Amino acid sequence: MLNFTQELRQSIQALPAGEINISQFCHLWRSQTQLLAALPPQFGEVMENLLSRLESGSLFTEESCSFSQTDLIAQLGVWLEKANARLASGKIV
């Protein structure tokens, strides 16, 4: 699972750097079905909520949208830390 989380961690750095776009970022995150299957369902729900807001926010300029891209990326970073902690603890249920 560490390979999956490492790839996601790299994407969190690549998006603000302009190395990938929001569509690529969201596709990468959603494609991690094996990682999501190893986590409780709530993780998938939270992740999808954050990704949906990130996509919605990308349709507007930063000033005209209620979703801050920077904040959403930070929240996905927190999500990733919690997912790593859950996987490391072995509490999968």
PDB file of N, CA and C in Angstrom:
ATOM      1  N   MET A   1       0.814  -1.207   0.000  1.00  0.00           N
ATOM      2  CA  MET A   1       0.000   0.000   0.000  1.00  0.00           C
ATOM      3  C   MET A   1       0.854   1.266   0.000  1.00  0.00           C
ATOM      4  N   LEU A   2       2.086   1.146   0.459  1.00  0.00           N
ATOM      5  CA  LEU A   2       2.932   2.332   0.514  1.00  0.00           C
ATOM      6  C   LEU A   2       3.186   2.926  -0.861  1.00  0.00           C
ATOM      7  N   ASN A   3       3.254   2.085  -1.893  1.00  0.00           N
ATOM      8  CA  ASN A   3       3.435   2.600  -3.247  1.00  0.00           C
ATOM      9  C   ASN A   3       2.260   3.482  -3.649  1.00  0.00           C
ATOM     10  N   PHE A   4       1.048   3.050  -3.276  1.00  0.00           N
ATOM     11  CA  PHE A   4      -0.145   3.826  -3.608  1.00  0.00           C
ATOM     12  C   PHE A   4      -0.107   5.177  -2.900  1.00  0.00           C
ATOM     13  N   THR A   5       0.180   5.144  -1.593  1.00  0.00           N
ATOM     14  CA  THR A   5       0.168   6.390  -0.846  1.00  0.00           C
ATOM     15  C   THR A   5       1.316   7.303  -1.269  1.00  0.00           C
ATOM     16  N   GLN A   6       2.443   6.738  -1.657  1.00  0.00           N
ATOM     17  CA  GLN A   6       3.552   7.556  -2.143  1.00  0.00           C
ATOM     18  C   GLN A   6       3.171   8.272  -3.437  1.00  0.00           C
ATOM     19  N   GLU A   7       2.479   7.564  -4.321  1.00  0.00           N
ATOM     20  CA  GLU A   7       2.028   8.170  -5.578  1.00  0.00           C
ATOM     21  C   GLU A   7       1.057   9.319  -5.307  1.00  0.00           C
ATOM     22  N   LEU A   8       0.173   9.132  -4.340  1.00  0.00           N
ATOM     23  CA  LEU A   8      -0.774  10.190  -3.988  1.00  0.00           C
ATOM     24  C   LEU A   8      -0.055  11.374  -3.358  1.00  0.00           C
ATOM     25  N   ARG A   9       0.921  11.089  -2.510  1.00  0.00           N
ATOM     26  CA  ARG A   9       1.699  12.156  -1.886  1.00  0.00           C
ATOM     27  C   ARG A   9       2.427  12.983  -2.960  1.00  0.00           C
ATOM     28  N   GLN A  10       2.978  12.311  -3.943  1.00  0.00           N
ATOM     29  CA  GLN A  10       3.657  13.016  -5.034  1.00  0.00           C
ATOM     30  C   GLN A  10       2.679  13.880  -5.820  1.00  0.00           C
ATOM     31  N   SER A  11       1.456  13.390  -6.000  1.00  0.00           N
ATOM     32  CA  SER A  11       0.465  14.167  -6.750  1.00  0.00           C
ATOM     33  C   SER A  11       0.077  15.438  -5.999  1.00  0.00           C
ATOM     34  N   ILE A  12       0.107  15.391  -4.664  1.00  0.00           N
ATOM     35  CA  ILE A  12      -0.205  16.570  -3.852  1.00  0.00           C
ATOM     36  C   ILE A  12       0.838  17.662  -4.089  1.00  0.00           C
ATOM     37  N   GLN A  13       2.050  17.264  -4.398  1.00  0.00           N
ATOM     38  CA  GLN A  13       3.104  18.241  -4.710  1.00  0.00           C
ATOM     39  C   GLN A  13       3.045  18.644  -6.184  1.00  0.00           C
ATOM     40  N   ALA A  14       2.679  17.705  -7.055  1.00  0.00           N
ATOM     41  CA  ALA A  14       2.686  17.964  -8.498  1.00  0.00           C
ATOM     42  C   ALA A  14       1.577  18.915  -8.935  1.00  0.00           C
ATOM     43  N   LEU A  15       0.418  18.847  -8.289  1.00  0.00           N
ATOM     44  CA  LEU A  15      -0.711  19.690  -8.705  1.00  0.00           C
ATOM     45  C   LEU A  15      -0.404  21.180  -8.543  1.00  0.00           C
ATOM     46  N   PRO A  16      -0.013  21.636  -7.367  1.00  0.00           N
ATOM     47  CA  PRO A  16       0.280  23.072  -7.245  1.00  0.00           C
ATOM     48  C   PRO A  16       1.477  23.518  -8.097  1.00  0.00           C
ATOM     49  N   ALA A  17       2.368  22.589  -8.389  1.00  0.00           N
ATOM     50  CA  ALA A  17       3.538  22.921  -9.216  1.00  0.00           C
ATOM     51  C   ALA A  17       3.194  22.988 -10.696  1.00  0.00           C
ATOM     52  N   GLY A  18       1.962  22.601 -11.042  1.00  0.00           N
ATOM     53  CA  GLY A  18       1.531  22.645 -12.439  1.00  0.00           C
ATOM     54  C   GLY A  18       2.008  21.470 -13.265  1.00  0.00           C
ATOM     55  N   GLU A  19       2.525  20.427 -12.612  1.00  0.00           N
ATOM     56  CA  GLU A  19       3.006  19.244 -13.327  1.00  0.00           C
ATOM     57  C   GLU A  19       1.860  18.356 -13.799  1.00  0.00           C
ATOM     58  N   ILE A  20       0.731  18.441 -13.106  1.00  0.00           N
ATOM     59  CA  ILE A  20      -0.492  17.742 -13.509  1.00  0.00           C
ATOM     60  C   ILE A  20      -1.649  18.722 -13.329  1.00  0.00           C
ATOM     61  N   ASN A  21      -2.762  18.432 -14.009  1.00  0.00           N
ATOM     62  CA  ASN A  21      -3.935  19.294 -13.836  1.00  0.00           C
ATOM     63  C   ASN A  21      -4.927  18.623 -12.882  1.00  0.00           C
ATOM     64  N   ILE A  22      -5.987  19.317 -12.571  1.00  0.00           N
ATOM     65  CA  ILE A  22      -6.954  18.808 -11.593  1.00  0.00           C
ATOM     66  C   ILE A  22      -7.614  17.530 -12.090  1.00  0.00           C
ATOM     67  N   SER A  23      -7.901  17.454 -13.368  1.00  0.00           N
ATOM     68  CA  SER A  23      -8.508  16.244 -13.921  1.00  0.00           C
ATOM     69  C   SER A  23      -7.594  15.038 -13.731  1.00  0.00           C
ATOM     70  N   GLN A  24      -6.321  15.204 -14.030  1.00  0.00           N
ATOM     71  CA  GLN A  24      -5.357  14.111 -13.858  1.00  0.00           C
ATOM     72  C   GLN A  24      -5.215  13.747 -12.385  1.00  0.00           C
ATOM     73  N   PHE A  25      -5.173  14.756 -11.549  1.00  0.00           N
ATOM     74  CA  PHE A  25      -5.054  14.558 -10.108  1.00  0.00           C
ATOM     75  C   PHE A  25      -6.225  13.722  -9.584  1.00  0.00           C
ATOM     76  N   CYS A  26      -7.441  14.137  -9.921  1.00  0.00           N
ATOM     77  CA  CYS A  26      -8.639  13.433  -9.442  1.00  0.00           C
ATOM     78  C   CYS A  26      -8.716  12.023 -10.003  1.00  0.00           C
ATOM     79  N   HIS A  27      -8.346  11.858 -11.258  1.00  0.00           N
ATOM     80  CA  HIS A  27      -8.348  10.518 -11.856  1.00  0.00           C
ATOM     81  C   HIS A  27      -7.379   9.605 -11.112  1.00  0.00           C
ATOM     82  N   LEU A  28      -6.206  10.109 -10.803  1.00  0.00           N
ATOM     83  CA  LEU A  28      -5.219   9.320 -10.069  1.00  0.00           C
ATOM     84  C   LEU A  28      -5.766   8.896  -8.712  1.00  0.00           C
ATOM     85  N   TRP A  29      -6.338   9.824  -7.993  1.00  0.00           N
ATOM     86  CA  TRP A  29      -6.871   9.516  -6.666  1.00  0.00           C
ATOM     87  C   TRP A  29      -8.012   8.501  -6.751  1.00  0.00           C
ATOM     88  N   ARG A  30      -8.908   8.707  -7.702  1.00  0.00           N
ATOM     89  CA  ARG A  30     -10.050   7.788  -7.813  1.00  0.00           C
ATOM     90  C   ARG A  30      -9.644   6.403  -8.304  1.00  0.00           C
ATOM     91  N   SER A  31      -8.516   6.304  -8.962  1.00  0.00           N
ATOM     92  CA  SER A  31      -8.081   5.012  -9.498  1.00  0.00           C
ATOM     93  C   SER A  31      -7.456   4.112  -8.435  1.00  0.00           C
ATOM     94  N   GLN A  32      -7.297   4.599  -7.240  1.00  0.00           N
ATOM     95  CA  GLN A  32      -6.657   3.827  -6.172  1.00  0.00           C
ATOM     96  C   GLN A  32      -7.676   2.893  -5.496  1.00  0.00           C
ATOM     97  N   THR A  33      -8.298   2.053  -6.266  1.00  0.00           N
ATOM     98  CA  THR A  33      -9.364   1.188  -5.745  1.00  0.00           C
ATOM     99  C   THR A  33      -8.846   0.175  -4.720  1.00  0.00           C
ATOM    100  N   GLN A  34      -7.633  -0.297  -4.912  1.00  0.00           N
ATOM    101  CA  GLN A  34      -7.071  -1.264  -3.958  1.00  0.00           C
ATOM    102  C   GLN A  34      -6.834  -0.598  -2.599  1.00  0.00           C
ATOM    103  N   LEU A  35      -6.332   0.602  -2.626  1.00  0.00           N
ATOM    104  CA  LEU A  35      -6.129   1.351  -1.383  1.00  0.00           C
ATOM    105  C   LEU A  35      -7.461   1.615  -0.712  1.00  0.00           C
ATOM    106  N   LEU A  36      -8.437   2.093  -1.468  1.00  0.00           N
ATOM    107  CA  LEU A  36      -9.745   2.395  -0.894  1.00  0.00           C
ATOM    108  C   LEU A  36     -10.426   1.150  -0.341  1.00  0.00           C
ATOM    109  N   ALA A  37     -10.220   0.016  -0.986  1.00  0.00           N
ATOM    110  CA  ALA A  37     -10.819  -1.234  -0.515  1.00  0.00           C
ATOM    111  C   ALA A  37     -10.224  -1.668   0.822  1.00  0.00           C
ATOM    112  N   ALA A  38      -9.003  -1.250   1.099  1.00  0.00           N
ATOM    113  CA  ALA A  38      -8.337  -1.628   2.344  1.00  0.00           C
ATOM    114  C   ALA A  38      -8.719  -0.706   3.503  1.00  0.00           C
ATOM    115  N   LEU A  39      -9.458   0.345   3.205  1.00  0.00           N
ATOM    116  CA  LEU A  39      -9.854   1.324   4.218  1.00  0.00           C
ATOM    117  C   LEU A  39     -11.355   1.244   4.476  1.00  0.00           C
ATOM    118  N   PRO A  40     -11.810   1.726   5.633  1.00  0.00           N
ATOM    119  CA  PRO A  40     -13.254   1.782   5.892  1.00  0.00           C
ATOM    120  C   PRO A  40     -13.947   2.661   4.846  1.00  0.00           C
ATOM    121  N   PRO A  41     -15.218   2.397   4.568  1.00  0.00           N
ATOM    122  CA  PRO A  41     -15.958   3.135   3.537  1.00  0.00           C
ATOM    123  C   PRO A  41     -15.957   4.650   3.731  1.00  0.00           C
ATOM    124  N   GLN A  42     -15.882   5.104   4.973  1.00  0.00           N
ATOM    125  CA  GLN A  42     -15.896   6.538   5.242  1.00  0.00           C
ATOM    126  C   GLN A  42     -14.725   7.248   4.559  1.00  0.00           C
ATOM    127  N   PHE A  43     -13.608   6.566   4.423  1.00  0.00           N
ATOM    128  CA  PHE A  43     -12.452   7.179   3.767  1.00  0.00           C
ATOM    129  C   PHE A  43     -12.781   7.504   2.314  1.00  0.00           C
ATOM    130  N   GLY A  44     -13.437   6.596   1.637  1.00  0.00           N
ATOM    131  CA  GLY A  44     -13.816   6.832   0.251  1.00  0.00           C
ATOM    132  C   GLY A  44     -14.809   7.971   0.121  1.00  0.00           C
ATOM    133  N   GLU A  45     -15.746   8.046   1.062  1.00  0.00           N
ATOM    134  CA  GLU A  45     -16.747   9.108   1.033  1.00  0.00           C
ATOM    135  C   GLU A  45     -16.103  10.479   1.230  1.00  0.00           C
ATOM    136  N   VAL A  46     -15.214  10.573   2.188  1.00  0.00           N
ATOM    137  CA  VAL A  46     -14.536  11.847   2.452  1.00  0.00           C
ATOM    138  C   VAL A  46     -13.666  12.235   1.265  1.00  0.00           C
ATOM    139  N   MET A  47     -12.914  11.274   0.737  1.00  0.00           N
ATOM    140  CA  MET A  47     -12.053  11.553  -0.407  1.00  0.00           C
ATOM    141  C   MET A  47     -12.875  12.055  -1.589  1.00  0.00           C
ATOM    142  N   GLU A  48     -13.957  11.390  -1.889  1.00  0.00           N
ATOM    143  CA  GLU A  48     -14.795  11.789  -3.025  1.00  0.00           C
ATOM    144  C   GLU A  48     -15.372  13.181  -2.821  1.00  0.00           C
ATOM    145  N   ASN A  49     -15.761  13.492  -1.601  1.00  0.00           N
ATOM    146  CA  ASN A  49     -16.280  14.830  -1.302  1.00  0.00           C
ATOM    147  C   ASN A  49     -15.226  15.890  -1.578  1.00  0.00           C
ATOM    148  N   LEU A  50     -14.014  15.658  -1.120  1.00  0.00           N
ATOM    149  CA  LEU A  50     -12.927  16.614  -1.340  1.00  0.00           C
ATOM    150  C   LEU A  50     -12.586  16.743  -2.820  1.00  0.00           C
ATOM    151  N   LEU A  51     -12.531  15.614  -3.526  1.00  0.00           N
ATOM    152  CA  LEU A  51     -12.220  15.655  -4.953  1.00  0.00           C
ATOM    153  C   LEU A  51     -13.312  16.374  -5.740  1.00  0.00           C
ATOM    154  N   SER A  52     -14.555  16.142  -5.381  1.00  0.00           N
ATOM    155  CA  SER A  52     -15.667  16.816  -6.067  1.00  0.00           C
ATOM    156  C   SER A  52     -15.597  18.320  -5.880  1.00  0.00           C
ATOM    157  N   ARG A  53     -15.275  18.754  -4.661  1.00  0.00           N
ATOM    158  CA  ARG A  53     -15.138  20.189  -4.406  1.00  0.00           C
ATOM    159  C   ARG A  53     -13.944  20.759  -5.169  1.00  0.00           C
ATOM    160  N   LEU A  54     -12.867  19.994  -5.258  1.00  0.00           N
ATOM    161  CA  LEU A  54     -11.700  20.449  -6.006  1.00  0.00           C
ATOM    162  C   LEU A  54     -12.047  20.628  -7.479  1.00  0.00           C
ATOM    163  N   GLU A  55     -12.774  19.658  -8.045  1.00  0.00           N
ATOM    164  CA  GLU A  55     -13.193  19.764  -9.446  1.00  0.00           C
ATOM    165  C   GLU A  55     -14.145  20.927  -9.651  1.00  0.00           C
ATOM    166  N   SER A  56     -15.101  21.090  -8.744  1.00  0.00           N
ATOM    167  CA  SER A  56     -16.053  22.198  -8.860  1.00  0.00           C
ATOM    168  C   SER A  56     -15.331  23.531  -8.783  1.00  0.00           C
ATOM    169  N   GLY A  57     -14.417  23.637  -7.881  1.00  0.00           N
ATOM    170  CA  GLY A  57     -13.668  24.868  -7.716  1.00  0.00           C
ATOM    171  C   GLY A  57     -12.801  25.203  -8.912  1.00  0.00           C
ATOM    172  N   SER A  58     -12.400  24.200  -9.656  1.00  0.00           N
ATOM    173  CA  SER A  58     -11.534  24.446 -10.812  1.00  0.00           C
ATOM    174  C   SER A  58     -12.286  25.134 -11.955  1.00  0.00           C
ATOM    175  N   LEU A  59     -13.598  25.134 -11.883  1.00  0.00           N
ATOM    176  CA  LEU A  59     -14.402  25.778 -12.917  1.00  0.00           C
ATOM    177  C   LEU A  59     -14.451  27.293 -12.752  1.00  0.00           C
ATOM    178  N   PHE A  60     -13.975  27.782 -11.614  1.00  0.00           N
ATOM    179  CA  PHE A  60     -14.016  29.207 -11.306  1.00  0.00           C
ATOM    180  C   PHE A  60     -12.625  29.694 -10.961  1.00  0.00           C
ATOM    181  N   THR A  61     -12.470  31.004 -10.987  1.00  0.00           N
ATOM    182  CA  THR A  61     -11.207  31.549 -10.502  1.00  0.00           C
ATOM    183  C   THR A  61     -11.178  31.411  -8.995  1.00  0.00           C
ATOM    184  N   GLU A  62     -10.015  31.399  -8.426  1.00  0.00           N
ATOM    185  CA  GLU A  62      -9.854  31.234  -6.976  1.00  0.00           C
ATOM    186  C   GLU A  62     -10.684  32.251  -6.195  1.00  0.00           C
ATOM    187  N   GLU A  63     -10.781  33.470  -6.701  1.00  0.00           N
ATOM    188  CA  GLU A  63     -11.483  34.523  -5.979  1.00  0.00           C
ATOM    189  C   GLU A  63     -12.999  34.351  -6.002  1.00  0.00           C
ATOM    190  N   SER A  64     -13.526  33.692  -7.025  1.00  0.00           N
ATOM    191  CA  SER A  64     -14.976  33.615  -7.156  1.00  0.00           C
ATOM    192  C   SER A  64     -15.547  32.289  -6.669  1.00  0.00           C
ATOM    193  N   CYS A  65     -14.727  31.469  -6.083  1.00  0.00           N
ATOM    194  CA  CYS A  65     -15.185  30.158  -5.645  1.00  0.00           C
ATOM    195  C   CYS A  65     -15.083  30.045  -4.129  1.00  0.00           C
ATOM    196  N   SER A  66     -16.046  29.351  -3.550  1.00  0.00           N
ATOM    197  CA  SER A  66     -16.022  29.186  -2.099  1.00  0.00           C
ATOM    198  C   SER A  66     -15.061  28.073  -1.669  1.00  0.00           C
ATOM    199  N   PHE A  67     -14.506  27.322  -2.609  1.00  0.00           N
ATOM    200  CA  PHE A  67     -13.579  26.245  -2.287  1.00  0.00           C
ATOM    201  C   PHE A  67     -12.157  26.685  -2.617  1.00  0.00           C
ATOM    202  N   SER A  68     -11.316  26.734  -1.640  1.00  0.00           N
ATOM    203  CA  SER A  68      -9.921  27.081  -1.861  1.00  0.00           C
ATOM    204  C   SER A  68      -9.162  25.830  -2.295  1.00  0.00           C
ATOM    205  N   GLN A  69      -8.551  25.895  -3.470  1.00  0.00           N
ATOM    206  CA  GLN A  69      -7.785  24.749  -3.971  1.00  0.00           C
ATOM    207  C   GLN A  69      -6.664  24.394  -2.993  1.00  0.00           C
ATOM    208  N   THR A  70      -6.008  25.387  -2.465  1.00  0.00           N
ATOM    209  CA  THR A  70      -4.918  25.156  -1.519  1.00  0.00           C
ATOM    210  C   THR A  70      -5.427  24.426  -0.284  1.00  0.00           C
ATOM    211  N   ASP A  71      -6.561  24.860   0.245  1.00  0.00           N
ATOM    212  CA  ASP A  71      -7.131  24.214   1.432  1.00  0.00           C
ATOM    213  C   ASP A  71      -7.570  22.785   1.139  1.00  0.00           C
ATOM    214  N   LEU A  72      -8.171  22.572  -0.024  1.00  0.00           N
ATOM    215  CA  LEU A  72      -8.622  21.223  -0.373  1.00  0.00           C
ATOM    216  C   LEU A  72      -7.436  20.268  -0.546  1.00  0.00           C
ATOM    217  N   ILE A  73      -6.378  20.747  -1.156  1.00  0.00           N
ATOM    218  CA  ILE A  73      -5.183  19.911  -1.308  1.00  0.00           C
ATOM    219  C   ILE A  73      -4.600  19.598   0.075  1.00  0.00           C
ATOM    220  N   ALA A  74      -4.595  20.580   0.961  1.00  0.00           N
ATOM    221  CA  ALA A  74      -4.109  20.356   2.328  1.00  0.00           C
ATOM    222  C   ALA A  74      -4.983  19.319   3.037  1.00  0.00           C
ATOM    223  N   GLN A  75      -6.294  19.401   2.842  1.00  0.00           N
ATOM    224  CA  GLN A  75      -7.196  18.436   3.460  1.00  0.00           C
ATOM    225  C   GLN A  75      -6.972  17.032   2.906  1.00  0.00           C
ATOM    226  N   LEU A  76      -6.665  16.936   1.624  1.00  0.00           N
ATOM    227  CA  LEU A  76      -6.342  15.628   1.053  1.00  0.00           C
ATOM    228  C   LEU A  76      -5.030  15.102   1.633  1.00  0.00           C
ATOM    229  N   GLY A  77      -4.105  15.995   1.944  1.00  0.00           N
ATOM    230  CA  GLY A  77      -2.876  15.589   2.621  1.00  0.00           C
ATOM    231  C   GLY A  77      -3.162  15.013   3.998  1.00  0.00           C
ATOM    232  N   VAL A  78      -4.068  15.642   4.731  1.00  0.00           N
ATOM    233  CA  VAL A  78      -4.484  15.133   6.040  1.00  0.00           C
ATOM    234  C   VAL A  78      -5.180  13.786   5.874  1.00  0.00           C
ATOM    235  N   TRP A  79      -6.034  13.678   4.859  1.00  0.00           N
ATOM    236  CA  TRP A  79      -6.716  12.411   4.568  1.00  0.00           C
ATOM    237  C   TRP A  79      -5.683  11.312   4.348  1.00  0.00           C
ATOM    238  N   LEU A  80      -4.654  11.616   3.597  1.00  0.00           N
ATOM    239  CA  LEU A  80      -3.620  10.639   3.283  1.00  0.00           C
ATOM    240  C   LEU A  80      -2.857  10.222   4.537  1.00  0.00           C
ATOM    241  N   GLU A  81      -2.565  11.165   5.405  1.00  0.00           N
ATOM    242  CA  GLU A  81      -1.901  10.842   6.670  1.00  0.00           C
ATOM    243  C   GLU A  81      -2.764   9.908   7.512  1.00  0.00           C
ATOM    244  N   LYS A  82      -4.057  10.197   7.571  1.00  0.00           N
ATOM    245  CA  LYS A  82      -4.965   9.356   8.356  1.00  0.00           C
ATOM    246  C   LYS A  82      -5.111   7.971   7.727  1.00  0.00           C
ATOM    247  N   ALA A  83      -5.131   7.918   6.402  1.00  0.00           N
ATOM    248  CA  ALA A  83      -5.203   6.619   5.720  1.00  0.00           C
ATOM    249  C   ALA A  83      -3.951   5.807   6.011  1.00  0.00           C
ATOM    250  N   ASN A  84      -2.793   6.445   5.961  1.00  0.00           N
ATOM    251  CA  ASN A  84      -1.545   5.752   6.281  1.00  0.00           C
ATOM    252  C   ASN A  84      -1.550   5.240   7.707  1.00  0.00           C
ATOM    253  N   ALA A  85      -2.020   6.064   8.630  1.00  0.00           N
ATOM    254  CA  ALA A  85      -2.073   5.663  10.034  1.00  0.00           C
ATOM    255  C   ALA A  85      -3.018   4.478  10.222  1.00  0.00           C
ATOM    256  N   ARG A  86      -4.148   4.509   9.534  1.00  0.00           N
ATOM    257  CA  ARG A  86      -5.119   3.416   9.641  1.00  0.00           C
ATOM    258  C   ARG A  86      -4.524   2.129   9.089  1.00  0.00           C
ATOM    259  N   LEU A  87      -3.861   2.221   7.958  1.00  0.00           N
ATOM    260  CA  LEU A  87      -3.241   1.036   7.353  1.00  0.00           C
ATOM    261  C   LEU A  87      -2.119   0.498   8.239  1.00  0.00           C
ATOM    262  N   ALA A  88      -1.332   1.388   8.825  1.00  0.00           N
ATOM    263  CA  ALA A  88      -0.214   0.980   9.682  1.00  0.00           C
ATOM    264  C   ALA A  88      -0.699   0.326  10.980  1.00  0.00           C
ATOM    265  N   SER A  89      -1.847   0.776  11.452  1.00  0.00           N
ATOM    266  CA  SER A  89      -2.368   0.229  12.716  1.00  0.00           C
ATOM    267  C   SER A  89      -3.009  -1.132  12.541  1.00  0.00           C
ATOM    268  N   GLY A  90      -3.332  -1.458  11.291  1.00  0.00           N
ATOM    269  CA  GLY A  90      -3.990  -2.735  11.020  1.00  0.00           C
ATOM    270  C   GLY A  90      -5.477  -2.721  11.300  1.00  0.00           C
ATOM    271  N   LYS A  91      -6.021  -1.576  11.713  1.00  0.00           N
ATOM    272  CA  LYS A  91      -7.462  -1.447  11.960  1.00  0.00           C
ATOM    273  C   LYS A  91      -8.164  -1.158  10.651  1.00  0.00           C
ATOM    274  N   ILE A  92      -8.511  -2.190   9.949  1.00  0.00           N
ATOM    275  CA  ILE A  92      -9.108  -2.025   8.625  1.00  0.00           C
ATOM    276  C   ILE A  92     -10.626  -1.985   8.692  1.00  0.00           C
ATOM    277  N   VAL A  93     -11.223  -2.589   9.671  1.00  0.00           N
ATOM    278  CA  VAL A  93     -12.674  -2.619   9.756  1.00  0.00           C
ATOM    279  C   VAL A  93     -13.244  -1.307  10.179  1.00  0.00           C
TER     280      VAL A  93
END
